[in-house]
Protein backbone atom coordinates (compact mmCIF):
# COMPACT_ATOMS: atom_id res chain seq x y z
CA UNK A 1 116.29 77.74 157.32
CA UNK A 2 113.02 77.17 159.02
CA UNK A 3 110.71 79.64 160.20
CA UNK A 4 107.22 79.21 162.17
CA UNK A 5 104.59 82.12 161.67
CA UNK A 6 101.65 80.84 163.87
CA UNK A 7 99.71 83.88 163.63
CA UNK A 8 99.95 84.51 159.35
CA UNK A 9 96.83 83.72 157.79
CA UNK A 10 97.96 82.77 154.30
CA UNK A 11 96.03 79.57 154.82
CA UNK A 12 93.12 81.10 157.19
CA UNK A 13 92.85 83.62 159.82
CA UNK A 14 95.52 82.93 162.24
CA UNK A 15 95.84 79.07 160.81
CA UNK A 16 99.53 79.79 161.34
CA UNK A 17 102.43 78.72 158.54
CA UNK A 18 105.99 77.47 158.25
CA UNK A 19 107.92 78.52 155.83
CA UNK A 20 111.46 77.03 154.85
CA UNK A 21 114.55 77.32 152.56
CA UNK A 22 117.25 75.30 151.25
CA UNK A 23 120.74 76.40 152.35
CA UNK A 24 120.04 78.50 155.62
CA UNK A 25 119.34 81.45 153.72
CA UNK A 26 116.32 83.68 154.04
CA UNK A 27 116.50 85.40 150.17
CA UNK A 28 114.54 84.74 147.46
CA UNK A 29 110.95 82.26 147.15
CA UNK A 30 110.52 79.92 150.24
CA UNK A 31 111.61 76.29 149.04
CA UNK A 32 108.50 75.33 151.14
CA UNK A 33 105.50 76.96 152.44
CA UNK A 34 102.99 74.76 154.79
CA UNK A 35 100.13 76.14 156.15
CA UNK A 36 97.56 75.11 159.40
CA UNK A 37 94.08 74.36 159.43
CA UNK A 38 91.97 77.04 156.82
CA UNK A 39 89.07 76.37 159.18
CA UNK A 40 90.46 77.32 162.39
CA UNK A 41 93.02 79.67 164.21
CA UNK A 42 95.42 76.37 164.75
CA UNK A 43 98.67 78.94 165.54
CA UNK A 44 100.61 75.68 162.90
CA UNK A 45 104.02 76.60 163.38
CA UNK A 46 103.84 77.76 166.60
CA UNK A 47 106.59 75.32 167.62
CA UNK A 48 109.36 73.60 165.61
CA UNK A 49 111.86 70.73 165.70
CA UNK A 50 113.93 69.32 162.92
CA UNK A 51 116.54 66.42 162.99
CA UNK A 52 119.15 65.80 160.78
CA UNK A 53 120.57 62.19 159.92
CA UNK A 54 122.13 60.05 157.01
CA UNK A 55 119.07 59.68 155.34
CA UNK A 56 116.99 62.11 155.72
CA UNK A 57 115.82 64.60 158.02
CA UNK A 58 112.57 64.87 159.97
CA UNK A 59 110.59 68.22 160.53
CA UNK A 60 108.01 68.04 163.27
CA UNK A 61 105.44 71.56 163.26
CA UNK A 62 103.35 72.20 166.60
CA UNK A 63 100.03 73.35 166.43
CA UNK A 64 98.62 73.91 170.01
CA UNK A 65 95.09 74.83 169.14
CA UNK A 66 94.12 72.68 166.52
CA UNK A 67 91.01 69.99 167.51
CA UNK A 68 91.84 67.29 166.04
CA UNK A 69 91.37 65.10 169.02
CA UNK A 70 88.67 68.08 170.57
CA UNK A 71 88.39 71.88 170.76
CA UNK A 72 91.96 72.74 171.12
CA UNK A 73 93.68 69.97 172.38
CA UNK A 74 96.40 70.89 169.98
CA UNK A 75 98.33 68.33 167.42
CA UNK A 76 102.02 67.84 166.07
CA UNK A 77 102.92 67.00 162.31
CA UNK A 78 105.82 65.65 161.16
CA UNK A 79 107.65 65.28 157.31
CA UNK A 80 110.30 63.35 156.30
CA UNK A 81 112.61 65.31 154.17
CA UNK A 82 114.57 63.52 151.53
CA UNK A 83 118.50 64.99 151.26
């Protein structure tokens, strides 16, 4: 299970975070925690998309207030997750 928390302050004020649990259950500690830019309120995790394939899975996370290409232009980040 993957949960986006764009208002999270784990990394910085409203930087946002994404938490993932293996097996689809919300019990116990997350298997993975990713946080947005600790210097800005990027709202990392506001949008999520995950795909699954035989070779692995992809996770795409949106951060609409990221400043990577100019003020609040937004960004998308992707990870390949091995099976």
